[in-house]
Amino acid sequence: MKRAIRHEHYIQCLDNYIGDRVSITSMRSFNHEVYVFEQTKVGLCAIDDKRYILEDGRQTYAYGHYRIKPVEQIPHSK
């Protein structure tokens, strides 16, 4: 995976919101028998659900950062 992903892929992912999947092959043993597995995993993703993404789409803040403007509360209807 390290050899497959280049800087251009990061830029393309950020600019076009295109995700990338990577195939990974691994060997594992269960009950003294060796198996080969091939998995498909997410390599790159433009959507980061653990960070607050700014309007430019590139800069982020951690949730709770003092520069994030609070969202106005919607009053509850009774």
PDB file of N, CA and C in Angstrom:
ATOM      1  N   MET A   1       0.824  -1.187   0.000  1.00  0.00           N
ATOM      2  CA  MET A   1       0.000   0.000   0.000  1.00  0.00           C
ATOM      3  C   MET A   1       0.870   1.252   0.000  1.00  0.00           C
ATOM      4  N   LYS A   2       1.992   1.219   0.693  1.00  0.00           N
ATOM      5  CA  LYS A   2       2.858   2.396   0.734  1.00  0.00           C
ATOM      6  C   LYS A   2       3.387   2.739  -0.649  1.00  0.00           C
ATOM      7  N   ARG A   3       3.620   1.728  -1.469  1.00  0.00           N
ATOM      8  CA  ARG A   3       4.150   1.973  -2.804  1.00  0.00           C
ATOM      9  C   ARG A   3       3.063   2.393  -3.788  1.00  0.00           C
ATOM     10  N   ALA A   4       1.817   2.066  -3.493  1.00  0.00           N
ATOM     11  CA  ALA A   4       0.723   2.329  -4.429  1.00  0.00           C
ATOM     12  C   ALA A   4       0.155   3.741  -4.294  1.00  0.00           C
ATOM     13  N   ILE A   5       0.207   4.321  -3.106  1.00  0.00           N
ATOM     14  CA  ILE A   5      -0.398   5.640  -2.880  1.00  0.00           C
ATOM     15  C   ILE A   5       0.678   6.713  -2.992  1.00  0.00           C
ATOM     16  N   ARG A   6       0.434   7.681  -3.848  1.00  0.00           N
ATOM     17  CA  ARG A   6       1.363   8.787  -4.077  1.00  0.00           C
ATOM     18  C   ARG A   6       0.712  10.105  -3.674  1.00  0.00           C
ATOM     19  N   HIS A   7       1.508  11.156  -3.658  1.00  0.00           N
ATOM     20  CA  HIS A   7       1.023  12.476  -3.278  1.00  0.00           C
ATOM     21  C   HIS A   7      -0.106  12.934  -4.201  1.00  0.00           C
ATOM     22  N   GLU A   8      -0.017  12.597  -5.478  1.00  0.00           N
ATOM     23  CA  GLU A   8      -1.051  12.976  -6.437  1.00  0.00           C
ATOM     24  C   GLU A   8      -2.402  12.374  -6.053  1.00  0.00           C
ATOM     25  N   HIS A   9      -2.390  11.183  -5.475  1.00  0.00           N
ATOM     26  CA  HIS A   9      -3.630  10.545  -5.046  1.00  0.00           C
ATOM     27  C   HIS A   9      -4.280  11.327  -3.903  1.00  0.00           C
ATOM     28  N   TYR A  10      -3.472  11.852  -2.985  1.00  0.00           N
ATOM     29  CA  TYR A  10      -4.008  12.659  -1.889  1.00  0.00           C
ATOM     30  C   TYR A  10      -4.666  13.927  -2.425  1.00  0.00           C
ATOM     31  N   ILE A  11      -3.994  14.603  -3.356  1.00  0.00           N
ATOM     32  CA  ILE A  11      -4.532  15.831  -3.930  1.00  0.00           C
ATOM     33  C   ILE A  11      -5.824  15.552  -4.689  1.00  0.00           C
ATOM     34  N   GLN A  12      -5.845  14.496  -5.489  1.00  0.00           N
ATOM     35  CA  GLN A  12      -7.043  14.134  -6.253  1.00  0.00           C
ATOM     36  C   GLN A  12      -8.191  13.791  -5.318  1.00  0.00           C
ATOM     37  N   CYS A  13      -7.902  13.105  -4.241  1.00  0.00           N
ATOM     38  CA  CYS A  13      -8.935  12.734  -3.266  1.00  0.00           C
ATOM     39  C   CYS A  13      -9.536  13.977  -2.624  1.00  0.00           C
ATOM     40  N   LEU A  14      -8.708  14.936  -2.243  1.00  0.00           N
ATOM     41  CA  LEU A  14      -9.200  16.165  -1.613  1.00  0.00           C
ATOM     42  C   LEU A  14      -9.969  17.045  -2.584  1.00  0.00           C
ATOM     43  N   ASP A  15      -9.467  17.178  -3.800  1.00  0.00           N
ATOM     44  CA  ASP A  15     -10.096  18.074  -4.768  1.00  0.00           C
ATOM     45  C   ASP A  15     -11.409  17.530  -5.309  1.00  0.00           C
ATOM     46  N   ASN A  16     -11.479  16.235  -5.557  1.00  0.00           N
ATOM     47  CA  ASN A  16     -12.633  15.642  -6.232  1.00  0.00           C
ATOM     48  C   ASN A  16     -13.515  14.791  -5.324  1.00  0.00           C
ATOM     49  N   TYR A  17     -13.163  14.682  -4.055  1.00  0.00           N
ATOM     50  CA  TYR A  17     -13.890  13.842  -3.101  1.00  0.00           C
ATOM     51  C   TYR A  17     -14.049  12.407  -3.625  1.00  0.00           C
ATOM     52  N   ILE A  18     -12.988  11.894  -4.227  1.00  0.00           N
ATOM     53  CA  ILE A  18     -12.985  10.527  -4.732  1.00  0.00           C
ATOM     54  C   ILE A  18     -12.214   9.666  -3.753  1.00  0.00           C
ATOM     55  N   GLY A  19     -12.853   8.612  -3.272  1.00  0.00           N
ATOM     56  CA  GLY A  19     -12.195   7.688  -2.363  1.00  0.00           C
ATOM     57  C   GLY A  19     -11.347   6.700  -3.133  1.00  0.00           C
ATOM     58  N   ASP A  20     -10.532   5.951  -2.415  1.00  0.00           N
ATOM     59  CA  ASP A  20      -9.641   4.982  -3.026  1.00  0.00           C
ATOM     60  C   ASP A  20      -9.664   3.717  -2.198  1.00  0.00           C
ATOM     61  N   ARG A  21      -9.728   2.581  -2.850  1.00  0.00           N
ATOM     62  CA  ARG A  21      -9.688   1.295  -2.159  1.00  0.00           C
ATOM     63  C   ARG A  21      -8.404   0.574  -2.553  1.00  0.00           C
ATOM     64  N   VAL A  22      -7.874  -0.207  -1.614  1.00  0.00           N
ATOM     65  CA  VAL A  22      -6.613  -0.904  -1.807  1.00  0.00           C
ATOM     66  C   VAL A  22      -6.813  -2.369  -1.471  1.00  0.00           C
ATOM     67  N   SER A  23      -6.251  -3.266  -2.297  1.00  0.00           N
ATOM     68  CA  SER A  23      -6.291  -4.701  -2.008  1.00  0.00           C
ATOM     69  C   SER A  23      -5.058  -5.076  -1.208  1.00  0.00           C
ATOM     70  N   ILE A  24      -5.267  -5.839  -0.160  1.00  0.00           N
ATOM     71  CA  ILE A  24      -4.180  -6.271   0.720  1.00  0.00           C
ATOM     72  C   ILE A  24      -4.211  -7.789   0.801  1.00  0.00           C
ATOM     73  N   THR A  25      -3.062  -8.427   0.607  1.00  0.00           N
ATOM     74  CA  THR A  25      -2.948  -9.879   0.711  1.00  0.00           C
ATOM     75  C   THR A  25      -2.154 -10.196   1.968  1.00  0.00           C
ATOM     76  N   SER A  26      -2.662 -11.116   2.773  1.00  0.00           N
ATOM     77  CA  SER A  26      -1.968 -11.486   4.003  1.00  0.00           C
ATOM     78  C   SER A  26      -2.054 -12.995   4.215  1.00  0.00           C
ATOM     79  N   MET A  27      -1.102 -13.510   4.976  1.00  0.00           N
ATOM     80  CA  MET A  27      -1.087 -14.936   5.325  1.00  0.00           C
ATOM     81  C   MET A  27      -1.390 -15.071   6.805  1.00  0.00           C
ATOM     82  N   ARG A  28      -2.271 -16.024   7.134  1.00  0.00           N
ATOM     83  CA  ARG A  28      -2.610 -16.293   8.526  1.00  0.00           C
ATOM     84  C   ARG A  28      -2.707 -17.792   8.736  1.00  0.00           C
ATOM     85  N   SER A  29      -2.536 -18.189   9.969  1.00  0.00           N
ATOM     86  CA  SER A  29      -2.678 -19.612  10.261  1.00  0.00           C
ATOM     87  C   SER A  29      -3.754 -19.814  11.319  1.00  0.00           C
ATOM     88  N   PHE A  30      -4.571 -20.827  11.099  1.00  0.00           N
ATOM     89  CA  PHE A  30      -5.604 -21.241  12.036  1.00  0.00           C
ATOM     90  C   PHE A  30      -5.473 -22.744  12.228  1.00  0.00           C
ATOM     91  N   ASN A  31      -5.353 -23.161  13.473  1.00  0.00           N
ATOM     92  CA  ASN A  31      -5.219 -24.590  13.795  1.00  0.00           C
ATOM     93  C   ASN A  31      -4.098 -25.248  12.989  1.00  0.00           C
ATOM     94  N   HIS A  32      -2.961 -24.613  12.919  1.00  0.00           N
ATOM     95  CA  HIS A  32      -1.758 -25.092  12.247  1.00  0.00           C
ATOM     96  C   HIS A  32      -1.931 -25.271  10.738  1.00  0.00           C
ATOM     97  N   GLU A  33      -2.887 -24.579  10.152  1.00  0.00           N
ATOM     98  CA  GLU A  33      -3.049 -24.558   8.705  1.00  0.00           C
ATOM     99  C   GLU A  33      -2.896 -23.125   8.224  1.00  0.00           C
ATOM    100  N   VAL A  34      -2.114 -22.943   7.158  1.00  0.00           N
ATOM    101  CA  VAL A  34      -1.820 -21.614   6.653  1.00  0.00           C
ATOM    102  C   VAL A  34      -2.817 -21.263   5.549  1.00  0.00           C
ATOM    103  N   TYR A  35      -3.366 -20.033   5.640  1.00  0.00           N
ATOM    104  CA  TYR A  35      -4.325 -19.542   4.656  1.00  0.00           C
ATOM    105  C   TYR A  35      -3.843 -18.202   4.114  1.00  0.00           C
ATOM    106  N   VAL A  36      -4.209 -17.917   2.877  1.00  0.00           N
ATOM    107  CA  VAL A  36      -3.906 -16.633   2.253  1.00  0.00           C
ATOM    108  C   VAL A  36      -5.230 -15.895   2.079  1.00  0.00           C
ATOM    109  N   PHE A  37      -5.271 -14.648   2.584  1.00  0.00           N
ATOM    110  CA  PHE A  37      -6.478 -13.827   2.512  1.00  0.00           C
ATOM    111  C   PHE A  37      -6.211 -12.604   1.647  1.00  0.00           C
ATOM    112  N   GLU A  38      -7.201 -12.221   0.885  1.00  0.00           N
ATOM    113  CA  GLU A  38      -7.137 -10.961   0.152  1.00  0.00           C
ATOM    114  C   GLU A  38      -8.294 -10.108   0.616  1.00  0.00           C
ATOM    115  N   GLN A  39      -7.977  -8.905   1.088  1.00  0.00           N
ATOM    116  CA  GLN A  39      -8.978  -7.987   1.609  1.00  0.00           C
ATOM    117  C   GLN A  39      -8.942  -6.695   0.817  1.00  0.00           C
ATOM    118  N   THR A  40     -10.093  -6.040   0.723  1.00  0.00           N
ATOM    119  CA  THR A  40     -10.175  -4.715   0.130  1.00  0.00           C
ATOM    120  C   THR A  40     -10.496  -3.741   1.248  1.00  0.00           C
ATOM    121  N   LYS A  41      -9.636  -2.739   1.401  1.00  0.00           N
ATOM    122  CA  LYS A  41      -9.807  -1.754   2.461  1.00  0.00           C
ATOM    123  C   LYS A  41      -9.812  -0.354   1.860  1.00  0.00           C
ATOM    124  N   VAL A  42     -10.293   0.601   2.654  1.00  0.00           N
ATOM    125  CA  VAL A  42     -10.291   1.994   2.226  1.00  0.00           C
ATOM    126  C   VAL A  42      -8.866   2.519   2.336  1.00  0.00           C
ATOM    127  N   GLY A  43      -8.334   2.997   1.218  1.00  0.00           N
ATOM    128  CA  GLY A  43      -6.984   3.542   1.212  1.00  0.00           C
ATOM    129  C   GLY A  43      -6.981   5.025   1.523  1.00  0.00           C
ATOM    130  N   LEU A  44      -7.825   5.772   0.820  1.00  0.00           N
ATOM    131  CA  LEU A  44      -7.956   7.209   1.025  1.00  0.00           C
ATOM    132  C   LEU A  44      -9.427   7.577   1.050  1.00  0.00           C
ATOM    133  N   CYS A  45      -9.755   8.578   1.863  1.00  0.00           N
ATOM    134  CA  CYS A  45     -11.130   9.054   1.936  1.00  0.00           C
ATOM    135  C   CYS A  45     -11.084  10.551   2.247  1.00  0.00           C
ATOM    136  N   ALA A  46     -11.833  11.339   1.470  1.00  0.00           N
ATOM    137  CA  ALA A  46     -11.813  12.790   1.664  1.00  0.00           C
ATOM    138  C   ALA A  46     -12.662  13.226   2.847  1.00  0.00           C
ATOM    139  N   ILE A  47     -13.555  12.391   3.298  1.00  0.00           N
ATOM    140  CA  ILE A  47     -14.441  12.741   4.401  1.00  0.00           C
ATOM    141  C   ILE A  47     -13.823  12.241   5.706  1.00  0.00           C
ATOM    142  N   ASP A  48     -13.502  13.169   6.583  1.00  0.00           N
ATOM    143  CA  ASP A  48     -12.920  12.832   7.878  1.00  0.00           C
ATOM    144  C   ASP A  48     -13.963  13.134   8.948  1.00  0.00           C
ATOM    145  N   ASP A  49     -14.558  12.103   9.523  1.00  0.00           N
ATOM    146  CA  ASP A  49     -15.625  12.311  10.498  1.00  0.00           C
ATOM    147  C   ASP A  49     -15.106  12.597  11.901  1.00  0.00           C
ATOM    148  N   LYS A  50     -13.799  12.629  12.074  1.00  0.00           N
ATOM    149  CA  LYS A  50     -13.241  12.920  13.390  1.00  0.00           C
ATOM    150  C   LYS A  50     -12.710  14.355  13.494  1.00  0.00           C
ATOM    151  N   ARG A  51     -12.815  15.116  12.411  1.00  0.00           N
ATOM    152  CA  ARG A  51     -12.316  16.481  12.386  1.00  0.00           C
ATOM    153  C   ARG A  51     -13.383  17.407  11.818  1.00  0.00           C
ATOM    154  N   TYR A  52     -13.318  18.680  12.181  1.00  0.00           N
ATOM    155  CA  TYR A  52     -14.204  19.706  11.646  1.00  0.00           C
ATOM    156  C   TYR A  52     -13.519  20.273  10.406  1.00  0.00           C
ATOM    157  N   ILE A  53     -14.128  20.096   9.232  1.00  0.00           N
ATOM    158  CA  ILE A  53     -13.530  20.524   7.976  1.00  0.00           C
ATOM    159  C   ILE A  53     -13.984  21.946   7.672  1.00  0.00           C
ATOM    160  N   LEU A  54     -13.020  22.831   7.398  1.00  0.00           N
ATOM    161  CA  LEU A  54     -13.330  24.219   7.100  1.00  0.00           C
ATOM    162  C   LEU A  54     -13.857  24.355   5.679  1.00  0.00           C
ATOM    163  N   GLU A  55     -14.321  25.561   5.334  1.00  0.00           N
ATOM    164  CA  GLU A  55     -14.972  25.790   4.046  1.00  0.00           C
ATOM    165  C   GLU A  55     -14.059  25.533   2.851  1.00  0.00           C
ATOM    166  N   ASP A  56     -12.742  25.694   3.007  1.00  0.00           N
ATOM    167  CA  ASP A  56     -11.848  25.459   1.876  1.00  0.00           C
ATOM    168  C   ASP A  56     -11.695  23.977   1.558  1.00  0.00           C
ATOM    169  N   GLY A  57     -12.167  23.104   2.448  1.00  0.00           N
ATOM    170  CA  GLY A  57     -12.128  21.669   2.206  1.00  0.00           C
ATOM    171  C   GLY A  57     -10.801  21.011   2.510  1.00  0.00           C
ATOM    172  N   ARG A  58      -9.822  21.772   2.960  1.00  0.00           N
ATOM    173  CA  ARG A  58      -8.501  21.207   3.238  1.00  0.00           C
ATOM    174  C   ARG A  58      -8.074  21.381   4.691  1.00  0.00           C
ATOM    175  N   GLN A  59      -8.336  22.547   5.242  1.00  0.00           N
ATOM    176  CA  GLN A  59      -7.938  22.780   6.623  1.00  0.00           C
ATOM    177  C   GLN A  59      -8.982  22.199   7.561  1.00  0.00           C
ATOM    178  N   THR A  60      -8.503  21.681   8.690  1.00  0.00           N
ATOM    179  CA  THR A  60      -9.405  21.074   9.666  1.00  0.00           C
ATOM    180  C   THR A  60      -9.042  21.518  11.075  1.00  0.00           C
ATOM    181  N   TYR A  61     -10.009  21.422  11.955  1.00  0.00           N
ATOM    182  CA  TYR A  61      -9.806  21.612  13.390  1.00  0.00           C
ATOM    183  C   TYR A  61     -10.324  20.373  14.099  1.00  0.00           C
ATOM    184  N   ALA A  62      -9.749  20.089  15.246  1.00  0.00           N
ATOM    185  CA  ALA A  62     -10.290  19.028  16.085  1.00  0.00           C
ATOM    186  C   ALA A  62     -11.602  19.523  16.687  1.00  0.00           C
ATOM    187  N   TYR A  63     -12.559  18.622  16.853  1.00  0.00           N
ATOM    188  CA  TYR A  63     -13.826  19.026  17.456  1.00  0.00           C
ATOM    189  C   TYR A  63     -13.567  19.569  18.850  1.00  0.00           C
ATOM    190  N   GLY A  64     -14.236  20.696  19.173  1.00  0.00           N
ATOM    191  CA  GLY A  64     -14.026  21.364  20.443  1.00  0.00           C
ATOM    192  C   GLY A  64     -13.027  22.507  20.359  1.00  0.00           C
ATOM    193  N   HIS A  65     -12.424  22.721  19.188  1.00  0.00           N
ATOM    194  CA  HIS A  65     -11.463  23.811  19.011  1.00  0.00           C
ATOM    195  C   HIS A  65     -12.162  25.152  19.228  1.00  0.00           C
ATOM    196  N   TYR A  66     -11.472  26.111  19.817  1.00  0.00           N
ATOM    197  CA  TYR A  66     -12.091  27.386  20.184  1.00  0.00           C
ATOM    198  C   TYR A  66     -12.494  28.221  18.965  1.00  0.00           C
ATOM    199  N   ARG A  67     -11.919  27.960  17.791  1.00  0.00           N
ATOM    200  CA  ARG A  67     -12.266  28.747  16.605  1.00  0.00           C
ATOM    201  C   ARG A  67     -13.517  28.227  15.876  1.00  0.00           C
ATOM    202  N   ILE A  68     -14.038  27.088  16.275  1.00  0.00           N
ATOM    203  CA  ILE A  68     -15.251  26.569  15.645  1.00  0.00           C
ATOM    204  C   ILE A  68     -16.440  27.343  16.189  1.00  0.00           C
ATOM    205  N   LYS A  69     -17.201  27.929  15.275  1.00  0.00           N
ATOM    206  CA  LYS A  69     -18.364  28.716  15.688  1.00  0.00           C
ATOM    207  C   LYS A  69     -19.482  27.784  16.115  1.00  0.00           C
ATOM    208  N   PRO A  70     -20.133  28.084  17.233  1.00  0.00           N
ATOM    209  CA  PRO A  70     -21.225  27.221  17.680  1.00  0.00           C
ATOM    210  C   PRO A  70     -22.426  27.319  16.750  1.00  0.00           C
ATOM    211  N   VAL A  71     -23.136  26.229  16.603  1.00  0.00           N
ATOM    212  CA  VAL A  71     -24.349  26.191  15.792  1.00  0.00           C
ATOM    213  C   VAL A  71     -25.494  26.718  16.635  1.00  0.00           C
ATOM    214  N   GLU A  72     -26.327  27.562  16.031  1.00  0.00           N
ATOM    215  CA  GLU A  72     -27.467  28.109  16.768  1.00  0.00           C
ATOM    216  C   GLU A  72     -28.435  26.985  17.123  1.00  0.00           C
ATOM    217  N   GLN A  73     -28.903  27.023  18.342  1.00  0.00           N
ATOM    218  CA  GLN A  73     -29.835  26.004  18.813  1.00  0.00           C
ATOM    219  C   GLN A  73     -31.224  26.272  18.254  1.00  0.00           C
ATOM    220  N   ILE A  74     -31.876  25.255  17.784  1.00  0.00           N
ATOM    221  CA  ILE A  74     -33.238  25.372  17.292  1.00  0.00           C
ATOM    222  C   ILE A  74     -34.172  25.217  18.494  1.00  0.00           C
ATOM    223  N   PRO A  75     -35.067  26.185  18.734  1.00  0.00           N
ATOM    224  CA  PRO A  75     -35.962  26.079  19.889  1.00  0.00           C
ATOM    225  C   PRO A  75     -36.911  24.884  19.723  1.00  0.00           C
ATOM    226  N   HIS A  76     -37.142  24.199  20.824  1.00  0.00           N
ATOM    227  CA  HIS A  76     -38.052  23.054  20.816  1.00  0.00           C
ATOM    228  C   HIS A  76     -39.492  23.548  20.775  1.00  0.00           C
ATOM    229  N   SER A  77     -40.294  22.906  19.965  1.00  0.00           N
ATOM    230  CA  SER A  77     -41.715  23.279  19.924  1.00  0.00           C
ATOM    231  C   SER A  77     -42.457  22.502  21.003  1.00  0.00           C
ATOM    232  N   LYS A  78     -43.405  23.155  21.645  1.00  0.00           N
ATOM    233  CA  LYS A  78     -44.155  22.490  22.721  1.00  0.00           C
ATOM    234  C   LYS A  78     -45.556  22.220  22.322  1.00  0.00           C
TER     235      LYS A  78
END
